Amino acid sequence: MKADIQIENLKCGGCAATIKKGILALDGVNEIDIDIEKSIVSITSENDNLEEIRLKLSKLGYPEVGDKNTVLHKAKSFVSCAVGRIDS
């Protein structure tokens, strides 16, 4: 399965690092590419686990465009961003 997901709250390489780490931990995900300027996450997975990927993105603070982008999502993305900068 290949999918492109446009997400909210993607600001920098720190955000991208957190997203990569979180999504690659999911079973079957082989490859992930993130376009920071366009806020698009491109995923290649052996499984048809798109809903699981969307849920994980939302839990990290990066919901899909069109989904609810609450204050909690924005706060989580801020923390994810900072953690991603430290880890990368």
Protein backbone atom coordinates (compact mmCIF):
# COMPACT_ATOMS: atom_id res chain seq x y z
CA MET A 1 0.00 0.00 0.00
CA LYS A 2 1.20 3.49 -0.82
CA ALA A 3 -0.47 6.59 0.59
CA ASP A 4 0.04 10.34 0.79
CA ILE A 5 -1.50 12.04 3.81
CA GLN A 6 -1.61 15.83 4.19
CA ILE A 7 -1.33 16.72 7.87
CA GLU A 8 -1.72 19.69 10.19
CA ASN A 9 0.91 21.23 12.52
CA LEU A 10 4.04 20.11 10.61
CA LYS A 11 6.61 22.85 11.17
CA CYS A 12 10.17 21.57 10.89
CA GLY A 13 12.66 18.73 10.74
CA GLY A 14 12.07 18.01 14.42
CA CYS A 15 8.42 17.31 13.68
CA ALA A 16 9.42 15.13 10.72
CA ALA A 17 11.87 13.13 12.87
CA THR A 18 9.18 12.39 15.45
CA ILE A 19 6.69 11.37 12.76
CA LYS A 20 9.23 9.08 11.06
CA LYS A 21 10.13 7.39 14.32
CA GLY A 22 6.48 6.88 15.30
CA ILE A 23 5.22 5.65 11.94
CA LEU A 24 8.18 3.36 11.21
CA ALA A 25 7.44 1.62 14.53
CA LEU A 26 4.10 0.43 13.12
CA ASP A 27 4.01 -3.11 11.82
CA GLY A 28 4.48 -3.38 8.05
CA VAL A 29 5.59 0.20 7.36
CA ASN A 30 8.62 0.02 5.07
CA GLU A 31 9.26 3.58 4.03
CA ILE A 32 8.21 7.10 4.93
CA ASP A 33 9.00 10.38 3.23
CA ILE A 34 7.96 13.77 4.58
CA ASP A 35 7.58 16.98 2.56
CA ILE A 36 7.74 19.67 5.24
CA GLU A 37 6.79 22.54 2.91
CA LYS A 38 3.62 20.82 1.67
CA SER A 39 2.88 18.99 4.99
CA ILE A 40 2.60 15.66 3.17
CA VAL A 41 3.59 12.31 4.65
CA SER A 42 4.16 9.61 2.00
CA ILE A 43 4.05 6.06 3.33
CA THR A 44 4.79 2.64 1.85
CA SER A 45 3.46 -0.27 3.89
CA GLU A 46 3.15 -4.02 3.40
CA ASN A 47 -0.20 -3.90 5.20
CA ASP A 48 -3.43 -2.06 4.49
CA ASN A 49 -3.07 -0.14 7.76
CA LEU A 50 -3.94 3.38 6.62
CA GLU A 51 -6.43 3.92 9.46
CA GLU A 52 -3.82 2.85 12.02
CA ILE A 53 -1.30 5.28 10.46
CA ARG A 54 -3.81 8.15 10.53
CA LEU A 55 -4.60 7.41 14.19
CA LYS A 56 -0.88 7.35 15.09
CA LEU A 57 -0.31 10.68 13.30
CA SER A 58 -3.21 12.21 15.23
CA LYS A 59 -1.91 10.85 18.55
CA LEU A 60 1.48 12.42 17.79
CA GLY A 61 -0.28 15.77 17.25
CA TYR A 62 -0.42 15.74 13.43
CA PRO A 63 -4.02 15.00 12.36
CA GLU A 64 -4.92 14.68 8.70
CA VAL A 65 -6.13 17.88 7.04
CA GLY A 66 -9.92 17.91 7.43
CA ASP A 67 -9.89 16.09 10.77
CA LYS A 68 -10.26 17.90 14.07
CA ASN A 69 -7.13 19.91 14.92
CA THR A 70 -7.72 20.66 18.58
CA VAL A 71 -5.63 22.61 21.05
CA LEU A 72 -4.48 19.23 22.39
CA HIS A 73 -3.21 18.23 18.92
CA LYS A 74 -1.35 21.52 18.62
CA ALA A 75 0.19 21.10 22.08
CA LYS A 76 1.26 17.51 21.30
CA SER A 77 2.82 18.60 18.01
CA PHE A 78 4.77 21.32 19.84
CA VAL A 79 6.18 18.71 22.25
CA SER A 80 6.82 16.23 19.40
CA CYS A 81 8.67 18.95 17.53
CA ALA A 82 10.95 19.65 20.49
CA VAL A 83 11.59 15.94 21.14
CA GLY A 84 12.33 15.36 17.45
CA ARG A 85 14.92 18.13 17.48
CA ILE A 86 16.66 16.59 20.48
CA ASP A 87 16.61 13.05 19.02
CA SER A 88 17.81 13.97 15.55
